[in-house]
Every structure is written in structure tokens, then in C-alpha cells.
Amino acid sequence: MKLKKLSWIAAALALVVPFKAASAETATLVGSETCTACHSEQAASFNSSMHGKKLPIVKGISADKTCESCHGAGSLHAAAAGDKTNPGFATIKNPSKLKGSAASATCFACHNQKAVMLWDTGKHAAKGLTCATCHSVHNGNGPKNLKKESVSETCYACHKSKKAEMSLPSHHPIQEGKMSCVGCHNPHGGAKDNLKEETVNETCYKCHSEKAGPFAHEHAPVTEDCSICHKPHGSANQFLLKQGMPYLCLRCHKNEHGLTPASGLFDLTKRNCTDCHTYIHGSDISGGLGH
């Protein structure tokens, strides 16, 4: 009896499974002209964008195939004729509405540069951002099809506190247009705060190589992390210092000198440590770093 029941179930499955496979339609390519019949506005903005201009030249994708190269084959979507209840309507993909890695996978099919492929290692990916958070395939106004007019304005859309710091008296020359956020950061990924280099110091040394050493007499904070003393995005103190001198130095060097004239030593609160210690990043001639 049990064997008879099992054979009946197997026979039923043999009938159902082939029927489903045969009835399932596979979408096929229809060409961009079919897409533009309904999506003429999107097509016009795409054709004037960087993607529209460069896909045929850089990737060899003809104009007739540009829509479906990102959105997938469109025959079933076109046949649905705008009817969202028709299963075929949802057979194309809209990367801007996808989430996580599924959203970015479409972009990675072409954008496979080393810097971009670090995406999964960075904070942006960890927070659920996608390529479409910053870029617009059809309507990008800035470089690299960015939604904003510039790289820095794109970053400031989320990083408002950093924009405020960049307005402080001492700052990197981003507002002046001499550099941008991507001078130090790789927005697509990176293990340490999306920095382009492995460490804070290596990032700083790309421009400030004279501070790198090695020196015979090293200043420990310099070799450890530049941000111990400096605020890289902006400061009210000169040289991007976290605190004005001598108070910055006194956080660590509390006992080297007396603090009042009564002691017979210098009153450090009225002078800068660098008046005597000129080479605060390191020195080959003095253990006192220039004393």
C-alpha cells in the first residue's frame, strides 16, 4: 500500500515539473528602440550622460544594446505593456532600486577596476549603500556620473560634520579646489576608514614625505599615527593641530619643564614648544628634536 502511494506521488511530480519548465518563458533581447518607445525621457538623459557617450567607445556596446546591458532582456517587460500585475513586467531589473550587493553587481560587470572592487571591504558597503547612492546612470551632473556637481559635495551630502570642519581656519584646500576627498579616501572601499593607503601615516606621507623619516631620534606619536596630534579635516588651531601649543604638547610632556617663573625655568604657557624644539616630527641631530 505504501509503495503504491509513493509511486503515485512520483508519477504526479513527473507530470507537473515538465509542464512548469515548458510553460516558463525566457525573456529575450528586443533592442533599445523598443525601450525608448515608452522611456523616451530616460533615453534622452542617458544619451547625454557619460555612460551613454562612452559605452559604445570603451566597452564596444552598440547603442541598440545599451538599455538591456544593465536592465536585462526586455521582451517580457515590453509585452506586459505597463501592466504591473503581469509577471513579465518585473522581469527587468532596476539597479537603483535593488539593495546591497545585488544593486552593485550590475555596475561591477563593467567597473572592475582594482579600487572599485574593494567595495565589500569598506564602510559604505557595510552601511548598505550602493553605487546608486552617489551615482546616477542616466542623470549624473558631476564627474563620473555623480548626482552632485563635485566629488566633495557628494561626500558632504552624508558627511556634514566633515564639511563643517573644512570651514575651520586651518584645513586641507578642498574648498579652494586644490584637492578633493578622494585625494585621501577611496569611496569604494578600504579597511581603514576607506583610506587609499593601509594606514593614516602612509596616507599623510604621500604629500608630507619630509615628515616620514626615518630619523635617528623619532617622536613617538609621529611614527604611530599622525592623527594623535592633527585633525585631518580641519581645526581652529594652526597646522591642523587638535589643540593649540603648548597645551597639545603638555598632554604628554607634563614634567619636562617647570610651568612658572618662580621655579627658575620657563613659563611654557607663554611660549610655543617649537620655539626650541624645531623638528618635532623627528631629528637626526638631537634627541630633544631640535633643542
Protein backbone atom coordinates (compact mmCIF):
# COMPACT_ATOMS: atom_id res chain seq x y z
CA MET A 1 0.00 0.00 0.00
CA LYS A 2 2.80 2.41 0.95
CA LEU A 3 4.77 1.58 -2.22
CA LYS A 4 1.67 2.17 -4.33
CA LYS A 5 1.17 5.61 -2.73
CA LEU A 6 4.81 6.58 -3.34
CA SER A 7 4.66 5.57 -7.00
CA TRP A 8 1.52 7.68 -7.43
CA ILE A 9 3.31 10.77 -5.99
CA ALA A 10 6.32 10.20 -8.26
CA ALA A 11 4.05 9.96 -11.30
CA ALA A 12 2.31 13.20 -10.36
CA LEU A 13 5.63 15.03 -9.98
CA ALA A 14 6.78 13.74 -13.36
CA LEU A 15 3.75 15.39 -14.93
CA VAL A 16 3.93 18.70 -13.04
CA VAL A 17 7.66 19.51 -13.29
CA PRO A 18 7.99 19.22 -17.10
CA PHE A 19 4.80 21.26 -17.51
CA LYS A 20 6.25 24.12 -15.41
CA ALA A 21 9.55 24.05 -17.27
CA ALA A 22 7.82 24.14 -20.63
CA SER A 23 5.43 26.92 -19.65
CA ALA A 24 8.10 29.22 -18.20
CA GLU A 25 9.11 31.89 -20.72
CA THR A 26 12.60 33.27 -21.03
CA ALA A 27 12.97 36.95 -21.82
CA THR A 28 14.87 37.81 -24.99
CA LEU A 29 16.59 40.95 -26.24
CA VAL A 30 14.40 43.43 -28.06
CA GLY A 31 16.76 46.35 -28.62
CA SER A 32 16.80 49.89 -27.28
CA GLU A 33 14.24 51.20 -29.78
CA THR A 34 11.58 49.10 -28.07
CA CYS A 35 12.62 50.53 -24.68
CA THR A 36 12.63 54.15 -25.84
CA ALA A 37 9.08 53.83 -27.18
CA CYS A 38 7.93 54.15 -23.56
CA HIS A 39 11.02 55.51 -21.84
CA SER A 40 11.97 58.36 -24.16
CA GLU A 41 12.82 60.79 -21.34
CA GLN A 42 15.22 58.34 -19.69
CA ALA A 43 16.78 57.55 -23.06
CA ALA A 44 17.42 61.23 -23.81
CA SER A 45 19.18 61.84 -20.48
CA PHE A 46 21.15 58.60 -20.83
CA ASN A 47 22.40 59.52 -24.30
CA SER A 48 23.78 62.81 -22.99
CA SER A 49 25.41 61.20 -19.94
CA MET A 50 28.94 59.82 -19.63
CA HIS A 51 27.60 56.28 -19.82
CA GLY A 52 25.68 56.98 -23.00
CA LYS A 53 28.70 58.54 -24.65
CA LYS A 54 31.34 56.05 -23.53
CA LEU A 55 29.66 52.64 -23.56
CA PRO A 56 29.98 52.24 -27.36
CA ILE A 57 33.57 53.53 -27.38
CA VAL A 58 35.07 51.99 -24.23
CA LYS A 59 33.06 48.78 -23.91
CA GLY A 60 32.06 48.26 -27.53
CA ILE A 61 28.36 48.05 -26.63
CA SER A 62 26.26 49.30 -29.51
CA ALA A 63 23.54 51.89 -28.91
CA ASP A 64 20.89 49.27 -29.64
CA LYS A 65 22.07 47.16 -26.70
CA THR A 66 22.75 49.79 -24.05
CA CYS A 67 19.43 49.56 -22.16
CA GLU A 68 19.43 45.79 -21.85
CA SER A 69 23.13 45.61 -20.95
CA CYS A 70 22.13 46.91 -17.50
CA HIS A 71 18.43 46.16 -17.18
CA GLY A 72 18.38 42.69 -18.73
CA ALA A 73 16.42 41.27 -21.67
CA GLY A 74 13.20 43.21 -22.13
CA SER A 75 10.80 41.15 -24.27
CA LEU A 76 8.51 40.07 -21.42
CA HIS A 77 8.56 43.52 -19.83
CA ALA A 78 7.64 45.11 -23.16
CA ALA A 79 4.87 42.58 -23.74
CA ALA A 80 3.36 43.47 -20.36
CA ALA A 81 2.71 46.94 -21.81
CA GLY A 82 2.83 48.69 -18.46
CA ASP A 83 0.62 46.18 -16.65
CA LYS A 84 2.35 45.74 -13.30
CA THR A 85 0.16 42.74 -12.46
CA ASN A 86 1.63 40.87 -15.41
CA PRO A 87 4.56 38.70 -14.17
CA GLY A 88 6.57 39.73 -17.21
CA PHE A 89 6.61 43.36 -16.08
CA ALA A 90 9.05 42.57 -13.27
CA THR A 91 11.49 40.55 -15.39
CA ILE A 92 13.81 43.51 -15.95
CA LYS A 93 15.94 44.87 -13.12
CA ASN A 94 16.34 48.45 -11.95
CA PRO A 95 19.75 48.65 -10.20
CA SER A 96 18.79 51.88 -8.42
CA LYS A 97 16.00 50.03 -6.58
CA LEU A 98 18.00 46.93 -5.68
CA LYS A 99 19.73 46.60 -2.33
CA GLY A 100 23.20 45.61 -1.18
CA SER A 101 25.48 43.54 -3.38
CA ALA A 102 22.68 42.83 -5.87
CA ALA A 103 22.49 46.54 -6.71
CA SER A 104 26.20 46.93 -7.28
CA ALA A 105 26.69 43.66 -9.18
CA THR A 106 25.32 45.23 -12.36
CA CYS A 107 27.88 48.04 -12.19
CA PHE A 108 30.74 45.66 -11.40
CA ALA A 109 30.12 43.84 -14.68
CA CYS A 110 31.91 46.77 -16.37
CA HIS A 111 33.55 48.64 -13.49
CA ASN A 112 36.09 46.06 -12.40
CA GLN A 113 38.99 48.38 -11.62
CA LYS A 114 41.03 47.41 -8.55
CA ALA A 115 39.90 50.41 -6.48
CA VAL A 116 36.24 49.72 -7.22
CA MET A 117 36.48 46.02 -6.46
CA LEU A 118 37.44 46.86 -2.86
CA TRP A 119 33.79 47.78 -2.31
CA ASP A 120 32.96 44.95 0.09
CA THR A 121 35.85 45.94 2.41
CA GLY A 122 34.63 49.49 3.06
CA LYS A 123 32.26 51.26 5.42
CA HIS A 124 29.89 52.35 2.66
CA ALA A 125 29.06 48.77 1.73
CA ALA A 126 28.77 47.84 5.42
CA LYS A 127 26.13 50.56 5.87
CA GLY A 128 24.08 49.28 2.95
CA LEU A 129 24.99 51.98 0.43
CA THR A 130 25.09 51.10 -3.26
CA CYS A 131 26.56 52.65 -6.40
CA ALA A 132 23.25 54.43 -6.96
CA THR A 133 23.59 56.27 -3.64
CA CYS A 134 26.20 58.57 -5.19
CA HIS A 135 25.96 57.93 -8.93
CA SER A 136 23.11 58.33 -11.39
CA VAL A 137 23.44 56.26 -14.55
CA HIS A 138 21.03 58.44 -16.52
CA ASN A 139 21.18 61.86 -14.90
CA GLY A 140 24.63 62.34 -13.38
CA ASN A 141 25.55 66.03 -13.22
CA GLY A 142 29.09 65.78 -11.88
CA PRO A 143 32.22 63.85 -12.88
CA LYS A 144 31.85 60.06 -13.01
CA ASN A 145 28.08 60.46 -13.30
CA LEU A 146 27.84 61.72 -9.73
CA LYS A 147 24.50 63.06 -8.56
CA LYS A 148 26.19 66.19 -7.19
CA GLU A 149 28.30 68.72 -9.07
CA SER A 150 31.59 67.62 -7.46
CA VAL A 151 33.20 64.77 -5.57
CA SER A 152 33.35 66.71 -2.32
CA GLU A 153 29.73 67.86 -2.48
CA THR A 154 28.76 64.23 -2.98
CA CYS A 155 30.63 63.27 0.20
CA TYR A 156 29.23 66.22 2.14
CA ALA A 157 25.67 65.04 1.45
CA CYS A 158 26.23 62.48 4.22
CA HIS A 159 29.38 63.70 5.97
CA LYS A 160 28.06 67.07 7.12
CA SER A 161 30.36 67.26 10.15
CA LYS A 162 33.38 66.96 7.87
CA LYS A 163 32.08 69.81 5.73
CA ALA A 164 31.88 71.95 8.87
CA GLU A 165 35.45 71.04 9.82
CA MET A 166 36.62 72.01 6.33
CA SER A 167 35.33 75.52 7.04
CA LEU A 168 37.60 75.98 10.06
CA PRO A 169 40.62 78.32 9.72
CA SER A 170 43.13 75.51 9.23
CA HIS A 171 42.02 72.96 6.67
CA HIS A 172 43.12 70.99 3.66
CA PRO A 173 42.49 73.04 0.47
CA ILE A 174 39.32 71.28 -0.62
CA GLN A 175 37.20 74.45 -0.61
CA GLU A 176 39.88 76.11 -2.73
CA GLY A 177 39.59 73.33 -5.31
CA LYS A 178 43.21 72.19 -4.97
CA MET A 179 42.23 68.70 -3.81
CA SER A 180 39.14 66.64 -3.06
CA CYS A 181 38.07 63.96 -0.60
CA VAL A 182 39.32 61.24 -2.95
CA GLY A 183 42.85 62.59 -2.57
CA CYS A 184 42.99 60.60 0.68
CA HIS A 185 39.93 58.33 0.57
CA ASN A 186 38.79 55.61 -1.77
CA PRO A 187 34.99 55.92 -1.60
CA HIS A 188 34.62 52.40 -2.98
CA GLY A 189 36.40 50.62 -0.13
CA GLY A 190 39.33 50.28 2.17
CA ALA A 191 39.99 48.65 5.52
CA LYS A 192 40.86 51.82 7.45
CA ASP A 193 38.12 54.48 7.07
CA ASN A 194 38.14 53.96 3.30
CA LEU A 195 41.67 55.39 3.10
CA LYS A 196 43.62 54.82 -0.10
CA GLU A 197 46.64 53.63 1.87
CA GLU A 198 46.94 50.97 4.54
CA THR A 199 47.41 53.44 7.43
CA VAL A 200 46.80 57.07 8.34
CA ASN A 201 50.52 57.81 8.23
CA GLU A 202 51.04 56.33 4.78
CA THR A 203 48.16 58.48 3.55
CA CYS A 204 49.70 61.64 5.02
CA TYR A 205 53.20 60.82 3.76
CA LYS A 206 52.00 60.83 0.15
CA CYS A 207 52.10 64.63 0.36
CA HIS A 208 54.14 65.22 3.52
CA SER A 209 57.06 62.92 2.75
CA GLU A 210 59.53 65.15 4.62
CA LYS A 211 57.79 64.16 7.86
CA ALA A 212 58.21 60.45 7.25
CA GLY A 213 61.80 59.86 8.28
CA PRO A 214 63.30 57.54 9.30
CA PHE A 215 65.05 59.76 11.83
CA ALA A 216 67.76 58.89 14.32
CA HIS A 217 65.53 60.41 17.02
CA GLU A 218 61.85 59.68 16.43
CA HIS A 219 58.91 61.44 18.00
CA ALA A 220 56.76 58.50 19.06
CA PRO A 221 53.33 59.95 18.14
CA VAL A 222 54.58 60.66 14.62
CA THR A 223 55.58 57.07 13.96
CA GLU A 224 52.34 55.78 15.49
CA ASP A 225 49.57 57.92 13.98
CA CYS A 226 49.57 61.50 12.66
CA SER A 227 46.02 61.96 13.93
CA ILE A 228 47.25 61.80 17.54
CA CYS A 229 48.21 65.46 17.14
CA HIS A 230 46.42 66.54 13.95
CA LYS A 231 42.79 66.74 12.82
CA PRO A 232 42.96 65.91 9.12
CA HIS A 233 39.67 67.53 8.12
CA GLY A 234 40.08 70.90 9.80
CA SER A 235 40.95 72.67 13.02
CA ALA A 236 40.65 76.03 14.74
CA ASN A 237 44.36 75.74 15.52
CA GLN A 238 47.20 76.27 13.09
CA PHE A 239 48.72 73.29 11.27
CA LEU A 240 45.54 71.26 11.79
CA LEU A 241 46.53 70.68 15.41
CA LYS A 242 43.98 69.19 17.78
CA GLN A 243 44.92 71.72 20.46
CA GLY A 244 47.00 74.88 20.48
CA MET A 245 50.58 74.82 21.68
CA PRO A 246 51.94 74.44 24.26
CA TYR A 247 48.83 72.69 25.60
CA LEU A 248 48.93 70.00 22.94
CA CYS A 249 52.48 69.04 23.94
CA LEU A 250 51.68 69.23 27.65
CA ARG A 251 49.15 66.43 27.28
CA CYS A 252 52.12 64.06 27.18
CA HIS A 253 55.10 66.13 28.33
CA LYS A 254 53.93 67.18 31.79
CA ASN A 255 57.18 67.08 33.72
CA GLU A 256 59.95 68.13 31.36
CA HIS A 257 59.85 71.83 32.34
CA GLY A 258 58.51 73.91 35.21
CA LEU A 259 55.39 75.92 34.49
CA THR A 260 56.07 79.12 36.48
CA PRO A 261 58.83 81.73 36.51
CA ALA A 262 59.15 81.13 40.30
CA SER A 263 60.73 77.76 39.55
CA GLY A 264 63.56 79.46 37.71
CA LEU A 265 62.52 77.77 34.47
CA PHE A 266 60.47 78.88 31.52
CA ASP A 267 56.78 79.63 31.77
CA LEU A 268 55.66 77.33 28.95
CA THR A 269 52.14 78.70 28.94
CA LYS A 270 53.52 81.86 27.33
CA ARG A 271 55.64 80.23 24.64
CA ASN A 272 55.44 77.64 21.92
CA CYS A 273 57.36 74.41 22.35
CA THR A 274 58.52 74.75 18.76
CA ASP A 275 60.44 77.88 19.68
CA CYS A 276 63.09 75.47 20.90
CA HIS A 277 62.00 72.04 19.60
CA THR A 278 62.02 72.90 15.92
CA TYR A 279 61.99 69.40 14.46
CA ILE A 280 59.00 67.99 16.30
CA HIS A 281 58.43 65.25 13.72
CA GLY A 282 61.92 63.81 14.19
CA SER A 283 65.58 64.71 14.07
CA ASP A 284 68.90 63.17 13.09
CA ILE A 285 70.93 65.52 15.28
CA SER A 286 69.12 65.88 18.57
CA GLY A 287 67.30 63.63 20.96
CA GLY A 288 65.43 66.73 22.06
CA LEU A 289 64.14 67.03 18.49
CA GLY A 290 65.91 70.26 17.74
CA HIS A 291 66.59 71.60 21.21
